[in-house]
Amino acid sequence: MKMKKALLLMTMFVSAGAMAQEPQSSTDTIVKPIIPVEKVGLLKNIDVLFHTRVGFESYFDNGTFTNSEFDNNQARIEVVLTFVK
């Protein structure tokens, strides 16, 4: 029963924190954007994706445990262009 109450309280705090976030209404003048605002429209049909595959792998030899390790199996960047008439 304590676990249910703790989970409920955690859910309430996380959702309250998410609702407390306000969208940014003005741009920050201290930091200049990497891409000028006038040229952002050129990137509307470009998606940049970062794929990763990681895992905690355990190895056995003849039914006996030999080793466990955290392994990064894959990390790649993919650029997808969408052509629209």
PDB file of N, CA and C in Angstrom:
ATOM      1  N   MET A   1       0.822  -1.194   0.000  1.00  0.00           N
ATOM      2  CA  MET A   1       0.000   0.000   0.000  1.00  0.00           C
ATOM      3  C   MET A   1       0.863   1.254   0.000  1.00  0.00           C
ATOM      4  N   LYS A   2       2.003   1.211   0.709  1.00  0.00           N
ATOM      5  CA  LYS A   2       2.892   2.366   0.748  1.00  0.00           C
ATOM      6  C   LYS A   2       3.458   2.660  -0.635  1.00  0.00           C
ATOM      7  N   MET A   3       3.713   1.599  -1.400  1.00  0.00           N
ATOM      8  CA  MET A   3       4.267   1.777  -2.742  1.00  0.00           C
ATOM      9  C   MET A   3       3.270   2.502  -3.638  1.00  0.00           C
ATOM     10  N   LYS A   4       1.983   2.165  -3.513  1.00  0.00           N
ATOM     11  CA  LYS A   4       0.959   2.827  -4.316  1.00  0.00           C
ATOM     12  C   LYS A   4       0.878   4.307  -3.970  1.00  0.00           C
ATOM     13  N   LYS A   5       0.936   4.623  -2.678  1.00  0.00           N
ATOM     14  CA  LYS A   5       0.876   6.024  -2.257  1.00  0.00           C
ATOM     15  C   LYS A   5       2.092   6.793  -2.752  1.00  0.00           C
ATOM     16  N   ALA A   6       3.260   6.174  -2.644  1.00  0.00           N
ATOM     17  CA  ALA A   6       4.481   6.837  -3.102  1.00  0.00           C
ATOM     18  C   ALA A   6       4.438   7.077  -4.608  1.00  0.00           C
ATOM     19  N   LEU A   7       3.958   6.091  -5.350  1.00  0.00           N
ATOM     20  CA  LEU A   7       3.845   6.225  -6.797  1.00  0.00           C
ATOM     21  C   LEU A   7       2.838   7.303  -7.170  1.00  0.00           C
ATOM     22  N   LEU A   8       1.725   7.363  -6.453  1.00  0.00           N
ATOM     23  CA  LEU A   8       0.714   8.386  -6.705  1.00  0.00           C
ATOM     24  C   LEU A   8       1.263   9.777  -6.420  1.00  0.00           C
ATOM     25  N   LEU A   9       1.975   9.936  -5.311  1.00  0.00           N
ATOM     26  CA  LEU A   9       2.560  11.237  -4.980  1.00  0.00           C
ATOM     27  C   LEU A   9       3.607  11.654  -6.010  1.00  0.00           C
ATOM     28  N   MET A  10       4.438  10.696  -6.441  1.00  0.00           N
ATOM     29  CA  MET A  10       5.441  11.012  -7.454  1.00  0.00           C
ATOM     30  C   MET A  10       4.782  11.459  -8.751  1.00  0.00           C
ATOM     31  N   THR A  11       3.724  10.764  -9.148  1.00  0.00           N
ATOM     32  CA  THR A  11       3.012  11.121 -10.370  1.00  0.00           C
ATOM     33  C   THR A  11       2.414  12.513 -10.266  1.00  0.00           C
ATOM     34  N   MET A  12       1.856  12.837  -9.108  1.00  0.00           N
ATOM     35  CA  MET A  12       1.260  14.164  -8.926  1.00  0.00           C
ATOM     36  C   MET A  12       2.320  15.254  -9.000  1.00  0.00           C
ATOM     37  N   PHE A  13       3.472  15.046  -8.358  1.00  0.00           N
ATOM     38  CA  PHE A  13       4.522  16.061  -8.380  1.00  0.00           C
ATOM     39  C   PHE A  13       5.107  16.242  -9.777  1.00  0.00           C
ATOM     40  N   VAL A  14       5.296  15.144 -10.496  1.00  0.00           N
ATOM     41  CA  VAL A  14       5.852  15.241 -11.841  1.00  0.00           C
ATOM     42  C   VAL A  14       4.878  15.952 -12.769  1.00  0.00           C
ATOM     43  N   SER A  15       3.591  15.611 -12.688  1.00  0.00           N
ATOM     44  CA  SER A  15       2.618  16.265 -13.561  1.00  0.00           C
ATOM     45  C   SER A  15       2.447  17.732 -13.192  1.00  0.00           C
ATOM     46  N   ALA A  16       2.512  18.061 -11.901  1.00  0.00           N
ATOM     47  CA  ALA A  16       2.415  19.466 -11.491  1.00  0.00           C
ATOM     48  C   ALA A  16       3.624  20.244 -11.998  1.00  0.00           C
ATOM     49  N   GLY A  17       4.792  19.634 -11.963  1.00  0.00           N
ATOM     50  CA  GLY A  17       5.988  20.294 -12.477  1.00  0.00           C
ATOM     51  C   GLY A  17       5.926  20.501 -13.977  1.00  0.00           C
ATOM     52  N   ALA A  18       5.341  19.533 -14.682  1.00  0.00           N
ATOM     53  CA  ALA A  18       5.218  19.671 -16.133  1.00  0.00           C
ATOM     54  C   ALA A  18       4.237  20.773 -16.493  1.00  0.00           C
ATOM     55  N   MET A  19       3.170  20.927 -15.724  1.00  0.00           N
ATOM     56  CA  MET A  19       2.190  21.978 -15.997  1.00  0.00           C
ATOM     57  C   MET A  19       2.722  23.355 -15.626  1.00  0.00           C
ATOM     58  N   ALA A  20       3.708  23.413 -14.747  1.00  0.00           N
ATOM     59  CA  ALA A  20       4.241  24.697 -14.313  1.00  0.00           C
ATOM     60  C   ALA A  20       5.173  25.306 -15.356  1.00  0.00           C
ATOM     61  N   GLN A  21       5.593  24.516 -16.324  1.00  0.00           N
ATOM     62  CA  GLN A  21       6.482  25.041 -17.353  1.00  0.00           C
ATOM     63  C   GLN A  21       5.713  25.955 -18.289  1.00  0.00           C
ATOM     64  N   GLU A  22       6.269  27.114 -18.563  1.00  0.00           N
ATOM     65  CA  GLU A  22       5.635  28.069 -19.465  1.00  0.00           C
ATOM     66  C   GLU A  22       6.436  28.141 -20.759  1.00  0.00           C
ATOM     67  N   PRO A  23       5.753  28.251 -21.886  1.00  0.00           N
ATOM     68  CA  PRO A  23       6.489  28.379 -23.140  1.00  0.00           C
ATOM     69  C   PRO A  23       7.224  29.713 -23.190  1.00  0.00           C
ATOM     70  N   GLN A  24       8.347  29.723 -23.874  1.00  0.00           N
ATOM     71  CA  GLN A  24       9.141  30.938 -23.982  1.00  0.00           C
ATOM     72  C   GLN A  24       8.443  31.893 -24.935  1.00  0.00           C
ATOM     73  N   SER A  25       8.147  33.090 -24.467  1.00  0.00           N
ATOM     74  CA  SER A  25       7.404  34.041 -25.289  1.00  0.00           C
ATOM     75  C   SER A  25       8.307  35.009 -26.033  1.00  0.00           C
ATOM     76  N   SER A  26       9.520  35.185 -25.582  1.00  0.00           N
ATOM     77  CA  SER A  26      10.431  36.096 -26.275  1.00  0.00           C
ATOM     78  C   SER A  26      11.785  35.423 -26.442  1.00  0.00           C
ATOM     79  N   THR A  27      12.536  35.906 -27.408  1.00  0.00           N
ATOM     80  CA  THR A  27      13.855  35.321 -27.633  1.00  0.00           C
ATOM     81  C   THR A  27      14.868  35.975 -26.713  1.00  0.00           C
ATOM     82  N   ASP A  28      15.854  35.215 -26.358  1.00  0.00           N
ATOM     83  CA  ASP A  28      16.916  35.709 -25.489  1.00  0.00           C
ATOM     84  C   ASP A  28      17.922  36.478 -26.344  1.00  0.00           C
ATOM     85  N   THR A  29      18.206  37.706 -25.997  1.00  0.00           N
ATOM     86  CA  THR A  29      19.108  38.527 -26.798  1.00  0.00           C
ATOM     87  C   THR A  29      20.571  38.319 -26.431  1.00  0.00           C
ATOM     88  N   ILE A  30      20.844  37.596 -25.351  1.00  0.00           N
ATOM     89  CA  ILE A  30      22.228  37.386 -24.929  1.00  0.00           C
ATOM     90  C   ILE A  30      22.923  36.392 -25.859  1.00  0.00           C
ATOM     91  N   VAL A  31      22.241  35.323 -26.216  1.00  0.00           N
ATOM     92  CA  VAL A  31      22.825  34.284 -27.059  1.00  0.00           C
ATOM     93  C   VAL A  31      22.221  34.382 -28.449  1.00  0.00           C
ATOM     94  N   LYS A  32      23.076  34.490 -29.449  1.00  0.00           N
ATOM     95  CA  LYS A  32      22.597  34.558 -30.830  1.00  0.00           C
ATOM     96  C   LYS A  32      22.342  33.139 -31.337  1.00  0.00           C
ATOM     97  N   PRO A  33      21.297  32.931 -32.156  1.00  0.00           N
ATOM     98  CA  PRO A  33      21.024  31.596 -32.688  1.00  0.00           C
ATOM     99  C   PRO A  33      22.105  31.169 -33.681  1.00  0.00           C
ATOM    100  N   ILE A  34      22.300  29.863 -33.796  1.00  0.00           N
ATOM    101  CA  ILE A  34      23.290  29.327 -34.733  1.00  0.00           C
ATOM    102  C   ILE A  34      22.845  29.589 -36.165  1.00  0.00           C
ATOM    103  N   ILE A  35      21.561  29.370 -36.430  1.00  0.00           N
ATOM    104  CA  ILE A  35      20.999  29.589 -37.760  1.00  0.00           C
ATOM    105  C   ILE A  35      20.149  30.853 -37.698  1.00  0.00           C
ATOM    106  N   PRO A  36      20.372  31.805 -38.600  1.00  0.00           N
ATOM    107  CA  PRO A  36      19.577  33.030 -38.578  1.00  0.00           C
ATOM    108  C   PRO A  36      18.085  32.738 -38.748  1.00  0.00           C
ATOM    109  N   VAL A  37      17.257  33.556 -38.130  1.00  0.00           N
ATOM    110  CA  VAL A  37      15.806  33.357 -38.159  1.00  0.00           C
ATOM    111  C   VAL A  37      15.285  33.391 -39.592  1.00  0.00           C
ATOM    112  N   GLU A  38      15.892  34.207 -40.447  1.00  0.00           N
ATOM    113  CA  GLU A  38      15.432  34.316 -41.841  1.00  0.00           C
ATOM    114  C   GLU A  38      15.631  33.013 -42.615  1.00  0.00           C
ATOM    115  N   LYS A  39      16.615  32.194 -42.224  1.00  0.00           N
ATOM    116  CA  LYS A  39      16.941  30.978 -42.967  1.00  0.00           C
ATOM    117  C   LYS A  39      16.394  29.706 -42.330  1.00  0.00           C
ATOM    118  N   VAL A  40      15.650  29.817 -41.251  1.00  0.00           N
ATOM    119  CA  VAL A  40      15.099  28.632 -40.588  1.00  0.00           C
ATOM    120  C   VAL A  40      14.113  27.914 -41.501  1.00  0.00           C
ATOM    121  N   GLY A  41      13.399  28.651 -42.342  1.00  0.00           N
ATOM    122  CA  GLY A  41      12.443  28.052 -43.271  1.00  0.00           C
ATOM    123  C   GLY A  41      13.080  27.063 -44.224  1.00  0.00           C
ATOM    124  N   LEU A  42      14.366  27.234 -44.520  1.00  0.00           N
ATOM    125  CA  LEU A  42      15.059  26.305 -45.419  1.00  0.00           C
ATOM    126  C   LEU A  42      15.195  24.916 -44.807  1.00  0.00           C
ATOM    127  N   LEU A  43      15.138  24.824 -43.480  1.00  0.00           N
ATOM    128  CA  LEU A  43      15.332  23.546 -42.791  1.00  0.00           C
ATOM    129  C   LEU A  43      14.033  22.846 -42.412  1.00  0.00           C
ATOM    130  N   LYS A  44      12.890  23.366 -42.864  1.00  0.00           N
ATOM    131  CA  LYS A  44      11.625  22.780 -42.409  1.00  0.00           C
ATOM    132  C   LYS A  44      11.389  21.370 -42.948  1.00  0.00           C
ATOM    133  N   ASN A  45      12.059  20.983 -44.026  1.00  0.00           N
ATOM    134  CA  ASN A  45      11.882  19.643 -44.598  1.00  0.00           C
ATOM    135  C   ASN A  45      13.071  18.725 -44.321  1.00  0.00           C
ATOM    136  N   ILE A  46      13.876  19.064 -43.322  1.00  0.00           N
ATOM    137  CA  ILE A  46      15.042  18.255 -42.970  1.00  0.00           C
ATOM    138  C   ILE A  46      14.882  17.750 -41.541  1.00  0.00           C
ATOM    139  N   ASP A  47      15.040  16.446 -41.366  1.00  0.00           N
ATOM    140  CA  ASP A  47      14.999  15.834 -40.038  1.00  0.00           C
ATOM    141  C   ASP A  47      16.369  15.231 -39.748  1.00  0.00           C
ATOM    142  N   VAL A  48      16.883  15.489 -38.561  1.00  0.00           N
ATOM    143  CA  VAL A  48      18.141  14.897 -38.120  1.00  0.00           C
ATOM    144  C   VAL A  48      17.819  13.967 -36.958  1.00  0.00           C
ATOM    145  N   LEU A  49      18.138  12.683 -37.119  1.00  0.00           N
ATOM    146  CA  LEU A  49      17.819  11.667 -36.121  1.00  0.00           C
ATOM    147  C   LEU A  49      19.109  11.090 -35.551  1.00  0.00           C
ATOM    148  N   PHE A  50      19.108  10.821 -34.259  1.00  0.00           N
ATOM    149  CA  PHE A  50      20.250  10.194 -33.592  1.00  0.00           C
ATOM    150  C   PHE A  50      19.768   8.880 -32.998  1.00  0.00           C
ATOM    151  N   HIS A  51      20.264   7.774 -33.535  1.00  0.00           N
ATOM    152  CA  HIS A  51      19.853   6.440 -33.088  1.00  0.00           C
ATOM    153  C   HIS A  51      20.934   5.839 -32.195  1.00  0.00           C
ATOM    154  N   THR A  52      20.513   5.246 -31.099  1.00  0.00           N
ATOM    155  CA  THR A  52      21.448   4.528 -30.237  1.00  0.00           C
ATOM    156  C   THR A  52      20.845   3.184 -29.853  1.00  0.00           C
ATOM    157  N   ARG A  53      21.711   2.236 -29.611  1.00  0.00           N
ATOM    158  CA  ARG A  53      21.281   0.939 -29.097  1.00  0.00           C
ATOM    159  C   ARG A  53      22.287   0.522 -28.042  1.00  0.00           C
ATOM    160  N   VAL A  54      21.843   0.502 -26.812  1.00  0.00           N
ATOM    161  CA  VAL A  54      22.712   0.146 -25.692  1.00  0.00           C
ATOM    162  C   VAL A  54      22.063  -0.985 -24.907  1.00  0.00           C
ATOM    163  N   GLY A  55      22.873  -1.694 -24.162  1.00  0.00           N
ATOM    164  CA  GLY A  55      22.307  -2.783 -23.379  1.00  0.00           C
ATOM    165  C   GLY A  55      23.267  -3.294 -22.329  1.00  0.00           C
ATOM    166  N   PHE A  56      22.703  -3.966 -21.355  1.00  0.00           N
ATOM    167  CA  PHE A  56      23.484  -4.625 -20.315  1.00  0.00           C
ATOM    168  C   PHE A  56      23.490  -6.101 -20.655  1.00  0.00           C
ATOM    169  N   GLU A  57      24.635  -6.605 -21.068  1.00  0.00           N
ATOM    170  CA  GLU A  57      24.729  -7.973 -21.546  1.00  0.00           C
ATOM    171  C   GLU A  57      25.432  -8.858 -20.524  1.00  0.00           C
ATOM    172  N   SER A  58      24.877 -10.049 -20.321  1.00  0.00           N
ATOM    173  CA  SER A  58      25.476 -11.045 -19.423  1.00  0.00           C
ATOM    174  C   SER A  58      25.918 -12.235 -20.263  1.00  0.00           C
ATOM    175  N   TYR A  59      27.096 -12.750 -19.972  1.00  0.00           N
ATOM    176  CA  TYR A  59      27.651 -13.866 -20.725  1.00  0.00           C
ATOM    177  C   TYR A  59      27.755 -15.101 -19.838  1.00  0.00           C
ATOM    178  N   PHE A  60      27.414 -16.259 -20.436  1.00  0.00           N
ATOM    179  CA  PHE A  60      27.458 -17.536 -19.736  1.00  0.00           C
ATOM    180  C   PHE A  60      28.289 -18.518 -20.548  1.00  0.00           C
ATOM    181  N   ASP A  61      29.017 -19.395 -19.853  1.00  0.00           N
ATOM    182  CA  ASP A  61      29.806 -20.440 -20.495  1.00  0.00           C
ATOM    183  C   ASP A  61      29.444 -21.770 -19.844  1.00  0.00           C
ATOM    184  N   ASN A  62      28.821 -22.666 -20.607  1.00  0.00           N
ATOM    185  CA  ASN A  62      28.348 -23.963 -20.109  1.00  0.00           C
ATOM    186  C   ASN A  62      27.422 -23.800 -18.907  1.00  0.00           C
ATOM    187  N   GLY A  63      26.561 -22.813 -18.952  1.00  0.00           N
ATOM    188  CA  GLY A  63      25.582 -22.612 -17.893  1.00  0.00           C
ATOM    189  C   GLY A  63      26.090 -21.866 -16.683  1.00  0.00           C
ATOM    190  N   THR A  64      27.358 -21.462 -16.675  1.00  0.00           N
ATOM    191  CA  THR A  64      27.886 -20.696 -15.537  1.00  0.00           C
ATOM    192  C   THR A  64      28.155 -19.261 -15.978  1.00  0.00           C
ATOM    193  N   PHE A  65      27.838 -18.348 -15.103  1.00  0.00           N
ATOM    194  CA  PHE A  65      28.016 -16.927 -15.378  1.00  0.00           C
ATOM    195  C   PHE A  65      29.501 -16.590 -15.495  1.00  0.00           C
ATOM    196  N   THR A  66      29.862 -15.845 -16.547  1.00  0.00           N
ATOM    197  CA  THR A  66      31.266 -15.459 -16.726  1.00  0.00           C
ATOM    198  C   THR A  66      31.482 -13.953 -16.633  1.00  0.00           C
ATOM    199  N   ASN A  67      30.566 -13.154 -17.201  1.00  0.00           N
ATOM    200  CA  ASN A  67      30.826 -11.718 -17.270  1.00  0.00           C
ATOM    201  C   ASN A  67      29.535 -10.953 -17.560  1.00  0.00           C
ATOM    202  N   SER A  68      29.469  -9.707 -17.112  1.00  0.00           N
ATOM    203  CA  SER A  68      28.404  -8.777 -17.480  1.00  0.00           C
ATOM    204  C   SER A  68      29.040  -7.449 -17.837  1.00  0.00           C
ATOM    205  N   GLU A  69      28.490  -6.813 -18.845  1.00  0.00           N
ATOM    206  CA  GLU A  69      29.019  -5.504 -19.227  1.00  0.00           C
ATOM    207  C   GLU A  69      27.940  -4.663 -19.891  1.00  0.00           C
ATOM    208  N   PHE A  70      28.085  -3.366 -19.730  1.00  0.00           N
ATOM    209  CA  PHE A  70      27.217  -2.411 -20.402  1.00  0.00           C
ATOM    210  C   PHE A  70      27.845  -2.126 -21.750  1.00  0.00           C
ATOM    211  N   ASP A  71      27.083  -2.300 -22.817  1.00  0.00           N
ATOM    212  CA  ASP A  71      27.649  -2.223 -24.155  1.00  0.00           C
ATOM    213  C   ASP A  71      26.862  -1.249 -25.019  1.00  0.00           C
ATOM    214  N   ASN A  72      27.579  -0.373 -25.709  1.00  0.00           N
ATOM    215  CA  ASN A  72      26.975   0.525 -26.684  1.00  0.00           C
ATOM    216  C   ASN A  72      27.121  -0.138 -28.043  1.00  0.00           C
ATOM    217  N   ASN A  73      26.052  -0.757 -28.521  1.00  0.00           N
ATOM    218  CA  ASN A  73      26.121  -1.533 -29.751  1.00  0.00           C
ATOM    219  C   ASN A  73      26.046  -0.675 -31.000  1.00  0.00           C
ATOM    220  N   GLN A  74      25.383   0.477 -30.912  1.00  0.00           N
ATOM    221  CA  GLN A  74      25.163   1.259 -32.116  1.00  0.00           C
ATOM    222  C   GLN A  74      24.945   2.716 -31.763  1.00  0.00           C
ATOM    223  N   ALA A  75      25.548   3.609 -32.525  1.00  0.00           N
ATOM    224  CA  ALA A  75      25.293   5.042 -32.413  1.00  0.00           C
ATOM    225  C   ALA A  75      25.453   5.625 -33.806  1.00  0.00           C
ATOM    226  N   ARG A  76      24.381   6.205 -34.340  1.00  0.00           N
ATOM    227  CA  ARG A  76      24.464   6.752 -35.691  1.00  0.00           C
ATOM    228  C   ARG A  76      23.576   7.978 -35.834  1.00  0.00           C
ATOM    229  N   ILE A  77      23.970   8.840 -36.739  1.00  0.00           N
ATOM    230  CA  ILE A  77      23.196  10.036 -37.060  1.00  0.00           C
ATOM    231  C   ILE A  77      22.614   9.845 -38.451  1.00  0.00           C
ATOM    232  N   GLU A  78      21.341  10.176 -38.597  1.00  0.00           N
ATOM    233  CA  GLU A  78      20.652  10.006 -39.868  1.00  0.00           C
ATOM    234  C   GLU A  78      20.019  11.337 -40.252  1.00  0.00           C
ATOM    235  N   VAL A  79      20.229  11.760 -41.496  1.00  0.00           N
ATOM    236  CA  VAL A  79      19.628  12.991 -42.010  1.00  0.00           C
ATOM    237  C   VAL A  79      18.608  12.589 -43.062  1.00  0.00           C
ATOM    238  N   VAL A  80      17.354  13.001 -42.867  1.00  0.00           N
ATOM    239  CA  VAL A  80      16.268  12.644 -43.771  1.00  0.00           C
ATOM    240  C   VAL A  80      15.745  13.914 -44.426  1.00  0.00           C
ATOM    241  N   LEU A  81      15.728  13.930 -45.755  1.00  0.00           N
ATOM    242  CA  LEU A  81      15.207  15.068 -46.511  1.00  0.00           C
ATOM    243  C   LEU A  81      13.843  14.709 -47.071  1.00  0.00           C
ATOM    244  N   THR A  82      12.906  15.636 -46.995  1.00  0.00           N
ATOM    245  CA  THR A  82      11.568  15.435 -47.547  1.00  0.00           C
ATOM    246  C   THR A  82      11.392  16.397 -48.712  1.00  0.00           C
ATOM    247  N   PHE A  83      11.138  15.847 -49.896  1.00  0.00           N
ATOM    248  CA  PHE A  83      10.933  16.679 -51.075  1.00  0.00           C
ATOM    249  C   PHE A  83       9.446  16.840 -51.312  1.00  0.00           C
ATOM    250  N   VAL A  84       8.991  18.083 -51.373  1.00  0.00           N
ATOM    251  CA  VAL A  84       7.576  18.384 -51.562  1.00  0.00           C
ATOM    252  C   VAL A  84       7.441  19.310 -52.758  1.00  0.00           C
ATOM    253  N   LYS A  85       6.463  19.016 -53.621  1.00  0.00           N
ATOM    254  CA  LYS A  85       6.217  19.906 -54.768  1.00  0.00           C
ATOM    255  C   LYS A  85       5.342  21.053 -54.371  1.00  0.00           C
TER     256      LYS A  85
END
